[in-house]
Every structure is written in structure tokens, then in C-alpha cells.
């Protein structure tokens, strides 16, 4: 499994990276400090999952998400944000696809499970076909 993370705040980027690594220990994770560099990575390889901040330098998360969805429609996209649900709705982002800061590992698992992206089983965490 390949996971892409984009967040301009280092502590936030490291936090989501560590959280995701606990959920999917075998995953290959690439992390970038802005949407532009993340987009360059998407042009080189396909990712199963994208976790992106909403507001970043150079390229904001919604623009990155739109480009990724167009290029790789099977990539599951989630926004990790400090904004509230109403703000996400104003931006045209489904709050069900958001992990709201501050969050715990259980919040991330719940978001993935509610979006029926992953099955969390006793034999590990598996990407749904």
C-alpha cells in the first residue's frame, strides 16, 4: 500500500505519518510540505491513499485532491484539517472525508471505516478492492 501525505506544518505532517504507520505498518509513506511537491510525486507513482491538509503553501489541499482524483480516480482522499465542518462544506469538501485536528488514532480508523475504504480485521488492515 502506498500512502501520500501533504501538510505544510511539520508537526502535523509527522503526526499523521506516525498515526497512519501504526494503522498500516507495511505501508510505503511519502510525505511533503506542500501540494506542489506532493503533486510531483503523484506524477511519478500511484497512491492508494492521500491525506492532505486543506490550506498549504503553493498548492492547497482541495486543488491537490482534484488533480489526484482526475489522474488516479481509485486513490482515496482524506483531508486532515483544523477547520470546522461548516468551513469544509463551504469549500465543497465532504466532512465525512475529514479528520479534524486534534485527533486520535481511533478517529482516523473511524473515518476510514465509515467511508468503507478499509476493513479492520484480526489479521491486519486491508484495502478494500
Protein backbone atom coordinates (compact mmCIF):
# COMPACT_ATOMS: atom_id res chain seq x y z
CA UNK A 1 0.00 0.00 0.00
CA UNK A 2 1.25 3.46 -0.88
CA UNK A 3 0.20 6.50 1.11
CA UNK A 4 0.82 10.16 0.33
CA UNK A 5 0.73 12.88 2.98
CA UNK A 6 0.79 16.62 2.33
CA UNK A 7 0.88 19.15 5.17
CA UNK A 8 2.91 22.35 5.45
CA UNK A 9 3.18 22.12 9.26
CA UNK A 10 5.98 19.71 10.14
CA UNK A 11 4.49 18.56 13.45
CA UNK A 12 1.13 17.87 11.75
CA UNK A 13 2.81 16.03 8.88
CA UNK A 14 4.83 13.87 11.28
CA UNK A 15 1.78 13.23 13.46
CA UNK A 16 -0.43 11.93 10.65
CA UNK A 17 2.51 9.95 9.25
CA UNK A 18 3.10 8.23 12.61
CA UNK A 19 -0.62 7.61 13.09
CA UNK A 20 -1.04 6.09 9.64
CA UNK A 21 2.08 3.95 10.13
CA UNK A 22 0.52 2.48 13.29
CA UNK A 23 -2.62 1.57 11.34
CA UNK A 24 -0.78 0.28 8.27
CA UNK A 25 2.72 -0.77 9.38
CA UNK A 26 3.63 -2.24 5.98
CA UNK A 27 2.66 0.88 4.02
CA UNK A 28 5.10 2.91 1.98
CA UNK A 29 4.57 6.53 3.03
CA UNK A 30 5.73 9.65 1.20
CA UNK A 31 5.25 12.99 2.94
CA UNK A 32 5.64 16.51 1.58
CA UNK A 33 5.40 20.02 2.97
CA UNK A 34 3.27 21.40 0.15
CA UNK A 35 0.80 20.38 -2.52
CA UNK A 36 3.17 21.13 -5.39
CA UNK A 37 5.76 18.60 -4.28
CA UNK A 38 3.04 16.08 -3.47
CA UNK A 39 1.63 16.53 -6.98
CA UNK A 40 5.08 15.90 -8.47
CA UNK A 41 5.17 12.60 -6.57
CA UNK A 42 1.71 11.66 -7.91
CA UNK A 43 3.07 12.12 -11.43
CA UNK A 44 5.73 9.51 -10.68
CA UNK A 45 3.62 6.88 -8.91
CA UNK A 46 0.07 5.98 -7.93
CA UNK A 47 -1.07 6.09 -4.30
CA UNK A 48 -3.82 4.18 -2.55
CA UNK A 49 -4.45 6.91 -0.01
CA UNK A 50 -3.91 10.67 0.20
CA UNK A 51 -4.06 12.59 3.46
CA UNK A 52 -3.81 16.32 2.81
CA UNK A 53 -4.14 19.48 4.80
CA UNK A 54 -6.65 21.97 3.40
CA UNK A 55 -4.61 25.17 3.49
CA UNK A 56 -0.97 24.90 2.47
CA UNK A 57 1.64 26.97 0.73
CA UNK A 58 1.94 26.77 -3.06
CA UNK A 59 -0.98 24.39 -3.75
CA UNK A 60 -3.90 23.99 -1.34
CA UNK A 61 -5.31 20.58 -0.48
CA UNK A 62 -8.56 20.86 -2.47
CA UNK A 63 -6.61 21.64 -5.66
CA UNK A 64 -4.23 18.74 -5.00
CA UNK A 65 -7.17 16.43 -4.29
CA UNK A 66 -8.91 17.44 -7.51
CA UNK A 67 -5.78 16.76 -9.58
CA UNK A 68 -5.12 13.43 -7.86
CA UNK A 69 -8.74 12.31 -8.34
CA UNK A 70 -8.54 13.16 -12.03
CA UNK A 71 -5.24 11.37 -12.61
CA UNK A 72 -5.83 8.40 -10.27
CA UNK A 73 -9.57 8.01 -9.60
CA UNK A 74 -9.02 5.00 -7.31
CA UNK A 75 -6.92 6.97 -4.82
CA UNK A 76 -8.90 7.52 -1.62
CA UNK A 77 -8.61 11.14 -0.46
CA UNK A 78 -8.95 12.48 3.07
CA UNK A 79 -8.46 15.96 4.46
CA UNK A 80 -6.68 16.47 7.78
CA UNK A 81 -7.74 19.88 9.00
CA UNK A 82 -8.12 22.26 11.88
CA UNK A 83 -11.11 23.88 10.20
CA UNK A 84 -14.67 23.03 11.25
CA UNK A 85 -17.35 21.08 9.38
CA UNK A 86 -19.14 24.21 8.17
CA UNK A 87 -15.93 25.55 6.65
CA UNK A 88 -15.35 22.25 4.86
CA UNK A 89 -18.85 22.32 3.44
CA UNK A 90 -18.31 25.90 2.21
CA UNK A 91 -15.21 24.68 0.40
CA UNK A 92 -17.18 21.85 -1.18
CA UNK A 93 -15.42 19.18 0.89
CA UNK A 94 -17.47 16.34 2.34
CA UNK A 95 -16.93 16.47 6.14
CA UNK A 96 -17.14 12.66 6.15
CA UNK A 97 -13.80 12.72 4.32
CA UNK A 98 -12.21 14.88 7.02
CA UNK A 99 -10.10 14.06 10.02
CA UNK A 100 -10.45 17.02 12.34
CA UNK A 101 -7.49 18.20 14.41
CA UNK A 102 -6.81 17.39 17.15
CA UNK A 103 -7.42 13.70 16.54
CA UNK A 104 -6.55 10.32 17.99
CA UNK A 105 -5.70 7.13 16.12
CA UNK A 106 -9.26 5.91 16.71
CA UNK A 107 -10.61 8.98 14.88
CA UNK A 108 -8.54 8.11 11.81
CA UNK A 109 -9.65 4.47 11.92
CA UNK A 110 -13.29 5.53 12.32
CA UNK A 111 -13.08 7.88 9.32
CA UNK A 112 -11.54 5.17 7.13
CA UNK A 113 -14.07 2.59 8.27
CA UNK A 114 -17.10 4.89 7.87
CA UNK A 115 -16.03 5.63 4.30
CA UNK A 116 -15.81 1.87 3.68
CA UNK A 117 -12.28 2.26 2.42
CA UNK A 118 -10.68 -0.30 4.67
CA UNK A 119 -11.63 -3.36 6.62
CA UNK A 120 -10.01 -3.65 10.01
CA UNK A 121 -9.71 -7.31 10.80
CA UNK A 122 -7.93 -9.53 13.23
CA UNK A 123 -5.47 -10.48 10.52
CA UNK A 124 -4.48 -6.92 9.76
CA UNK A 125 -5.79 -3.93 7.89
CA UNK A 126 -6.74 -4.48 4.31
CA UNK A 127 -7.52 -2.13 1.46
CA UNK A 128 -10.94 -2.93 0.06
CA UNK A 129 -10.97 -3.90 -3.62
